[in-house]
Each structure stands twice: as C-alpha cells, then as structure tokens.
C-alpha cells in the first residue's frame, strides 16, 4: 500500500512538472495574452483616469536581480521578464503597474500590482485565475488589504494578510508574489 501511495505521489509530481513545461513552452493562445494585456490596461486606466498616458514595456530581469529578490521574497519569478506600465500625467510620473504570474496549486495565477510613484501599492488585481478552486483571491475585499503597503511592509499570512479557507495555496502564492513585486519596484523605480 505504501508503494502504491509513493508511485501515485511521484506521478502527481511528474504531471505538475509536465504541465508547467507545457505552459512555459506553449503559452496559451495569443488571444488570451491580448485579453490579459487589455484587462490590465483597463484596470490601470480605472485607477489613474483617462487623462493619463500609459507606456507599456517588457522588463527583462537579470539573473542577479532575480536571485536577489527571490531570496528575500521566498518565491521564484515565473519567467525571466515581467510586463510593466509607466503611468504619466503630463511630464510627471504618477505610478507604475507590474504584471506577473505565480503558480497556484498547479496552474499560473496572473496578477497586476499598481503602485504610486513612490512604490506604495494602490491596488492589486487577479487578472486571470485558472484553478478550479481558490478563486476567492480575486475578491476586491481580499485584494484591498495590500493597499498602502510597500517593500518594507510585513506580508505574513495569518498575521498581516487574511487567509481564505479553501484557498491556502493561492493566498500564499499571491501574497509572496505581491511582496516580490514590491521589492522589485523599490530596486528599479529610480531607473525608470
């Protein structure tokens, strides 16, 4: 019986790894990607208004930068790059937005963190949730608790961040992901 349990567990690990490889090398169709970008830009416009200018770019992360941030946040980056928007009002930068993915139980969760120009979180949003359970992290009330936090804030689930029954993996992944992006924002903000 123990051998069967071990074989099943190893198969589960293999299947998860295989799914991650498939998602990495064969990302979902381009329509999905354009919908994610469009939804992100809608959220940014809702945050800052239509009178602002939104400049999009792909931000490549150096191995050194990734390693440094991953060590602090306790979570790896999903890819070697993230998507970033710089939001301007006239000649003044009023904020930034970063789009990234974290792994939930077995599939990616795509999320957006919107910052003011000082690197303080204005809002967080789940842009695409792919798991069958745990989608409660998309709830506005749960995401609102990240507002006014920055890289120096505590992101301890159960203490500073509310958990969600039945969504423990998603809550922890998303919380670490948001913390990871606050650290990244603090490091890169002056160079943007």
C-alpha atoms as a PDB file:
ATOM      1  CA  UNK A   1       0.000   0.000   0.000  1.00  0.00           C
ATOM      2  CA  UNK A   2       2.845   2.373   0.850  1.00  0.00           C
ATOM      3  CA  UNK A   3       4.484   1.634  -2.510  1.00  0.00           C
ATOM      4  CA  UNK A   4       1.259   2.467  -4.375  1.00  0.00           C
ATOM      5  CA  UNK A   5       0.944   5.744  -2.455  1.00  0.00           C
ATOM      6  CA  UNK A   6       4.559   6.615  -3.326  1.00  0.00           C
ATOM      7  CA  UNK A   7       4.013   5.828  -7.028  1.00  0.00           C
ATOM      8  CA  UNK A   8       0.868   7.967  -7.111  1.00  0.00           C
ATOM      9  CA  UNK A   9       2.672  10.846  -5.395  1.00  0.00           C
ATOM     10  CA  UNK A  10       5.556  10.647  -7.901  1.00  0.00           C
ATOM     11  CA  UNK A  11       3.058  10.622 -10.778  1.00  0.00           C
ATOM     12  CA  UNK A  12       1.392  13.753  -9.373  1.00  0.00           C
ATOM     13  CA  UNK A  13       4.767  15.495  -9.211  1.00  0.00           C
ATOM     14  CA  UNK A  14       5.576  14.432 -12.771  1.00  0.00           C
ATOM     15  CA  UNK A  15       2.203  15.637 -14.072  1.00  0.00           C
ATOM     16  CA  UNK A  16       2.620  19.032 -12.372  1.00  0.00           C
ATOM     17  CA  UNK A  17       6.109  19.396 -13.808  1.00  0.00           C
ATOM     18  CA  UNK A  18       4.896  18.358 -17.255  1.00  0.00           C
ATOM     19  CA  UNK A  19       2.030  20.900 -17.134  1.00  0.00           C
ATOM     20  CA  UNK A  20       4.428  23.656 -16.139  1.00  0.00           C
ATOM     21  CA  UNK A  21       6.726  22.769 -19.040  1.00  0.00           C
ATOM     22  CA  UNK A  22       3.811  22.777 -21.462  1.00  0.00           C
ATOM     23  CA  UNK A  23       2.618  26.168 -20.173  1.00  0.00           C
ATOM     24  CA  UNK A  24       6.124  27.583 -20.344  1.00  0.00           C
ATOM     25  CA  UNK A  25       6.987  26.408 -23.853  1.00  0.00           C
ATOM     26  CA  UNK A  26       3.472  26.568 -25.311  1.00  0.00           C
ATOM     27  CA  UNK A  27       1.756  29.517 -23.649  1.00  0.00           C
ATOM     28  CA  UNK A  28      -1.966  29.868 -24.025  1.00  0.00           C
ATOM     29  CA  UNK A  29      -3.084  31.323 -27.333  1.00  0.00           C
ATOM     30  CA  UNK A  30      -2.350  34.900 -28.320  1.00  0.00           C
ATOM     31  CA  UNK A  31      -5.981  35.911 -27.827  1.00  0.00           C
ATOM     32  CA  UNK A  32      -5.615  35.053 -24.140  1.00  0.00           C
ATOM     33  CA  UNK A  33      -2.421  37.140 -23.920  1.00  0.00           C
ATOM     34  CA  UNK A  34      -4.030  40.141 -25.600  1.00  0.00           C
ATOM     35  CA  UNK A  35      -7.063  39.845 -23.309  1.00  0.00           C
ATOM     36  CA  UNK A  36      -4.776  39.869 -20.269  1.00  0.00           C
ATOM     37  CA  UNK A  37      -2.938  42.957 -21.527  1.00  0.00           C
ATOM     38  CA  UNK A  38      -6.227  44.692 -22.373  1.00  0.00           C
ATOM     39  CA  UNK A  39      -7.743  43.864 -18.971  1.00  0.00           C
ATOM     40  CA  UNK A  40      -4.592  45.112 -17.220  1.00  0.00           C
ATOM     41  CA  UNK A  41      -4.713  48.403 -19.089  1.00  0.00           C
ATOM     42  CA  UNK A  42      -8.408  48.790 -18.215  1.00  0.00           C
ATOM     43  CA  UNK A  43      -7.552  48.351 -14.521  1.00  0.00           C
ATOM     44  CA  UNK A  44      -4.720  50.882 -14.788  1.00  0.00           C
ATOM     45  CA  UNK A  45      -6.993  53.409 -16.511  1.00  0.00           C
ATOM     46  CA  UNK A  46      -9.644  52.848 -13.851  1.00  0.00           C
ATOM     47  CA  UNK A  47      -7.019  53.571 -11.164  1.00  0.00           C
ATOM     48  CA  UNK A  48      -5.464  56.687 -12.745  1.00  0.00           C
ATOM     49  CA  UNK A  49      -8.155  58.012 -15.112  1.00  0.00           C
ATOM     50  CA  UNK A  50      -8.290  58.594 -18.832  1.00  0.00           C
ATOM     51  CA  UNK A  51      -6.206  61.788 -18.762  1.00  0.00           C
ATOM     52  CA  UNK A  52      -3.007  59.850 -18.106  1.00  0.00           C
ATOM     53  CA  UNK A  53      -0.540  58.334 -20.556  1.00  0.00           C
ATOM     54  CA  UNK A  54       0.202  54.627 -20.171  1.00  0.00           C
ATOM     55  CA  UNK A  55       3.529  53.368 -21.577  1.00  0.00           C
ATOM     56  CA  UNK A  56       3.933  49.580 -21.796  1.00  0.00           C
ATOM     57  CA  UNK A  57       7.176  47.633 -21.913  1.00  0.00           C
ATOM     58  CA  UNK A  58       8.571  44.189 -21.236  1.00  0.00           C
ATOM     59  CA  UNK A  59      11.104  44.338 -18.421  1.00  0.00           C
ATOM     60  CA  UNK A  60      13.864  41.734 -18.639  1.00  0.00           C
ATOM     61  CA  UNK A  61      15.221  40.631 -15.268  1.00  0.00           C
ATOM     62  CA  UNK A  62      18.918  39.887 -14.925  1.00  0.00           C
ATOM     63  CA  UNK A  63      19.842  36.621 -13.199  1.00  0.00           C
ATOM     64  CA  UNK A  64      21.475  38.597 -10.380  1.00  0.00           C
ATOM     65  CA  UNK A  65      18.384  40.733  -9.791  1.00  0.00           C
ATOM     66  CA  UNK A  66      16.078  37.714  -9.896  1.00  0.00           C
ATOM     67  CA  UNK A  67      18.221  35.752  -7.442  1.00  0.00           C
ATOM     68  CA  UNK A  68      18.435  38.707  -5.033  1.00  0.00           C
ATOM     69  CA  UNK A  69      14.671  39.320  -4.996  1.00  0.00           C
ATOM     70  CA  UNK A  70      13.744  35.624  -4.917  1.00  0.00           C
ATOM     71  CA  UNK A  71      15.914  35.124  -1.831  1.00  0.00           C
ATOM     72  CA  UNK A  72      14.126  37.920   0.032  1.00  0.00           C
ATOM     73  CA  UNK A  73      10.569  37.094  -1.095  1.00  0.00           C
ATOM     74  CA  UNK A  74      10.886  33.308  -0.837  1.00  0.00           C
ATOM     75  CA  UNK A  75       9.420  32.807  -4.305  1.00  0.00           C
ATOM     76  CA  UNK A  76      10.838  32.440  -7.808  1.00  0.00           C
ATOM     77  CA  UNK A  77       9.836  34.547 -10.764  1.00  0.00           C
ATOM     78  CA  UNK A  78       7.635  32.696 -13.259  1.00  0.00           C
ATOM     79  CA  UNK A  79       9.692  33.946 -16.223  1.00  0.00           C
ATOM     80  CA  UNK A  80      12.844  35.966 -16.865  1.00  0.00           C
ATOM     81  CA  UNK A  81      10.755  39.038 -17.589  1.00  0.00           C
ATOM     82  CA  UNK A  82       7.611  40.793 -16.434  1.00  0.00           C
ATOM     83  CA  UNK A  83       5.298  43.326 -18.038  1.00  0.00           C
ATOM     84  CA  UNK A  84       5.411  46.877 -16.808  1.00  0.00           C
ATOM     85  CA  UNK A  85       3.474  50.085 -17.390  1.00  0.00           C
ATOM     86  CA  UNK A  86       4.657  53.581 -16.545  1.00  0.00           C
ATOM     87  CA  UNK A  87       1.766  55.962 -15.977  1.00  0.00           C
ATOM     88  CA  UNK A  88       2.270  59.680 -16.552  1.00  0.00           C
ATOM     89  CA  UNK A  89       0.184  62.779 -16.094  1.00  0.00           C
ATOM     90  CA  UNK A  90       1.764  65.398 -18.326  1.00  0.00           C
ATOM     91  CA  UNK A  91       5.503  65.373 -17.629  1.00  0.00           C
ATOM     92  CA  UNK A  92       5.126  63.722 -14.230  1.00  0.00           C
ATOM     93  CA  UNK A  93       5.233  60.006 -13.456  1.00  0.00           C
ATOM     94  CA  UNK A  94       2.203  59.248 -11.299  1.00  0.00           C
ATOM     95  CA  UNK A  95       2.582  55.495 -10.993  1.00  0.00           C
ATOM     96  CA  UNK A  96       3.624  52.097 -12.249  1.00  0.00           C
ATOM     97  CA  UNK A  97       1.986  48.741 -12.770  1.00  0.00           C
ATOM     98  CA  UNK A  98       3.629  45.321 -12.850  1.00  0.00           C
ATOM     99  CA  UNK A  99       2.056  42.152 -14.260  1.00  0.00           C
ATOM    100  CA  UNK A 100       3.391  38.767 -13.187  1.00  0.00           C
ATOM    101  CA  UNK A 101       2.381  35.152 -12.631  1.00  0.00           C
ATOM    102  CA  UNK A 102       2.634  32.854  -9.643  1.00  0.00           C
ATOM    103  CA  UNK A 103       1.864  29.153  -9.502  1.00  0.00           C
ATOM    104  CA  UNK A 104      -1.268  28.269  -7.534  1.00  0.00           C
ATOM    105  CA  UNK A 105      -1.861  24.615  -6.795  1.00  0.00           C
ATOM    106  CA  UNK A 106      -0.741  23.651 -10.288  1.00  0.00           C
ATOM    107  CA  UNK A 107      -1.583  26.469 -12.716  1.00  0.00           C
ATOM    108  CA  UNK A 108      -0.470  30.094 -13.104  1.00  0.00           C
ATOM    109  CA  UNK A 109      -2.320  32.987 -11.481  1.00  0.00           C
ATOM    110  CA  UNK A 110      -1.816  36.200 -13.455  1.00  0.00           C
ATOM    111  CA  UNK A 111      -1.924  39.304 -11.267  1.00  0.00           C
ATOM    112  CA  UNK A 112      -1.373  43.038 -11.508  1.00  0.00           C
ATOM    113  CA  UNK A 113       0.049  45.335  -8.841  1.00  0.00           C
ATOM    114  CA  UNK A 114      -0.489  49.069  -9.302  1.00  0.00           C
ATOM    115  CA  UNK A 115       1.882  51.430  -7.466  1.00  0.00           C
ATOM    116  CA  UNK A 116       2.061  55.152  -6.930  1.00  0.00           C
ATOM    117  CA  UNK A 117       5.260  56.947  -7.957  1.00  0.00           C
ATOM    118  CA  UNK A 118       6.817  56.250  -4.533  1.00  0.00           C
ATOM    119  CA  UNK A 119       6.372  52.469  -4.798  1.00  0.00           C
ATOM    120  CA  UNK A 120       3.339  52.271  -2.489  1.00  0.00           C
ATOM    121  CA  UNK A 121       0.677  49.788  -3.567  1.00  0.00           C
ATOM    122  CA  UNK A 122      -2.522  51.459  -4.725  1.00  0.00           C
ATOM    123  CA  UNK A 123      -4.295  48.238  -5.711  1.00  0.00           C
ATOM    124  CA  UNK A 124      -3.804  44.588  -6.626  1.00  0.00           C
ATOM    125  CA  UNK A 125      -5.883  42.532  -9.023  1.00  0.00           C
ATOM    126  CA  UNK A 126      -6.121  38.934 -10.175  1.00  0.00           C
ATOM    127  CA  UNK A 127      -6.283  39.300 -13.955  1.00  0.00           C
ATOM    128  CA  UNK A 128      -6.564  35.592 -14.828  1.00  0.00           C
ATOM    129  CA  UNK A 129      -7.307  32.747 -12.412  1.00  0.00           C
ATOM    130  CA  UNK A 130      -7.018  29.255 -13.904  1.00  0.00           C
ATOM    131  CA  UNK A 131      -7.540  26.859 -10.973  1.00  0.00           C
ATOM    132  CA  UNK A 132     -10.835  25.101 -10.245  1.00  0.00           C
ATOM    133  CA  UNK A 133     -10.804  26.199  -6.580  1.00  0.00           C
ATOM    134  CA  UNK A 134      -9.320  29.123  -4.660  1.00  0.00           C
ATOM    135  CA  UNK A 135     -10.661  31.855  -6.907  1.00  0.00           C
ATOM    136  CA  UNK A 136     -11.731  33.823  -3.834  1.00  0.00           C
ATOM    137  CA  UNK A 137      -8.372  35.621  -4.045  1.00  0.00           C
ATOM    138  CA  UNK A 138      -9.914  37.573  -6.936  1.00  0.00           C
ATOM    139  CA  UNK A 139     -12.283  39.226  -4.457  1.00  0.00           C
ATOM    140  CA  UNK A 140     -11.851  43.006  -4.155  1.00  0.00           C
ATOM    141  CA  UNK A 141     -12.015  42.896  -0.342  1.00  0.00           C
ATOM    142  CA  UNK A 142      -9.192  40.380  -0.088  1.00  0.00           C
ATOM    143  CA  UNK A 143      -7.008  42.324  -2.535  1.00  0.00           C
ATOM    144  CA  UNK A 144      -7.721  45.641  -0.823  1.00  0.00           C
ATOM    145  CA  UNK A 145      -5.654  44.610   2.217  1.00  0.00           C
ATOM    146  CA  UNK A 146      -2.460  45.080   0.156  1.00  0.00           C
ATOM    147  CA  UNK A 147      -3.177  48.782  -0.441  1.00  0.00           C
ATOM    148  CA  UNK A 148      -0.722  51.215   1.184  1.00  0.00           C
ATOM    149  CA  UNK A 149       1.962  48.541   1.556  1.00  0.00           C
ATOM    150  CA  UNK A 150       5.480  48.690   0.152  1.00  0.00           C
ATOM    151  CA  UNK A 151       8.674  46.623   0.194  1.00  0.00           C
ATOM    152  CA  UNK A 152       9.186  47.330   3.921  1.00  0.00           C
ATOM    153  CA  UNK A 153       5.718  46.101   4.911  1.00  0.00           C
ATOM    154  CA  UNK A 154       5.086  42.750   6.519  1.00  0.00           C
ATOM    155  CA  UNK A 155       3.336  40.204   4.305  1.00  0.00           C
ATOM    156  CA  UNK A 156       2.714  37.435   6.841  1.00  0.00           C
ATOM    157  CA  UNK A 157      -0.370  35.372   6.001  1.00  0.00           C
ATOM    158  CA  UNK A 158      -2.449  34.863   9.134  1.00  0.00           C
ATOM    159  CA  UNK A 159      -0.985  37.933  10.829  1.00  0.00           C
ATOM    160  CA  UNK A 160      -0.876  40.832   8.389  1.00  0.00           C
ATOM    161  CA  UNK A 161      -2.701  39.197   5.493  1.00  0.00           C
ATOM    162  CA  UNK A 162      -6.009  37.362   5.886  1.00  0.00           C
ATOM    163  CA  UNK A 163      -6.115  33.752   4.812  1.00  0.00           C
ATOM    164  CA  UNK A 164      -9.025  32.239   2.914  1.00  0.00           C
ATOM    165  CA  UNK A 165     -10.339  28.817   3.864  1.00  0.00           C
ATOM    166  CA  UNK A 166     -10.005  26.512   0.865  1.00  0.00           C
ATOM    167  CA  UNK A 167      -7.565  28.819  -0.918  1.00  0.00           C
ATOM    168  CA  UNK A 168      -4.442  28.441   1.230  1.00  0.00           C
ATOM    169  CA  UNK A 169      -2.053  27.708  -1.648  1.00  0.00           C
ATOM    170  CA  UNK A 170      -3.388  30.571  -3.768  1.00  0.00           C
ATOM    171  CA  UNK A 171      -3.308  33.006  -0.832  1.00  0.00           C
ATOM    172  CA  UNK A 172       0.306  32.173  -0.008  1.00  0.00           C
ATOM    173  CA  UNK A 173       1.435  32.240  -3.650  1.00  0.00           C
ATOM    174  CA  UNK A 174      -0.276  35.533  -4.380  1.00  0.00           C
ATOM    175  CA  UNK A 175       0.967  37.174  -1.157  1.00  0.00           C
ATOM    176  CA  UNK A 176       4.573  36.189  -1.888  1.00  0.00           C
ATOM    177  CA  UNK A 177       4.145  37.341  -5.485  1.00  0.00           C
ATOM    178  CA  UNK A 178       2.895  40.765  -4.432  1.00  0.00           C
ATOM    179  CA  UNK A 179       5.709  41.089  -1.886  1.00  0.00           C
ATOM    180  CA  UNK A 180       8.191  40.079  -4.599  1.00  0.00           C
ATOM    181  CA  UNK A 181       6.940  42.865  -6.881  1.00  0.00           C
ATOM    182  CA  UNK A 182       7.177  45.493  -4.111  1.00  0.00           C
ATOM    183  CA  UNK A 183      10.844  44.567  -3.717  1.00  0.00           C
ATOM    184  CA  UNK A 184      11.399  44.728  -7.468  1.00  0.00           C
ATOM    185  CA  UNK A 185       9.653  48.099  -7.663  1.00  0.00           C
ATOM    186  CA  UNK A 186      11.861  49.567  -4.946  1.00  0.00           C
ATOM    187  CA  UNK A 187      15.015  48.406  -6.732  1.00  0.00           C
ATOM    188  CA  UNK A 188      14.088  49.533 -10.252  1.00  0.00           C
ATOM    189  CA  UNK A 189      11.935  52.603  -9.562  1.00  0.00           C
ATOM    190  CA  UNK A 190      14.775  55.143  -9.659  1.00  0.00           C
ATOM    191  CA  UNK A 191      15.980  53.834 -13.028  1.00  0.00           C
ATOM    192  CA  UNK A 192      12.604  54.009 -14.764  1.00  0.00           C
END
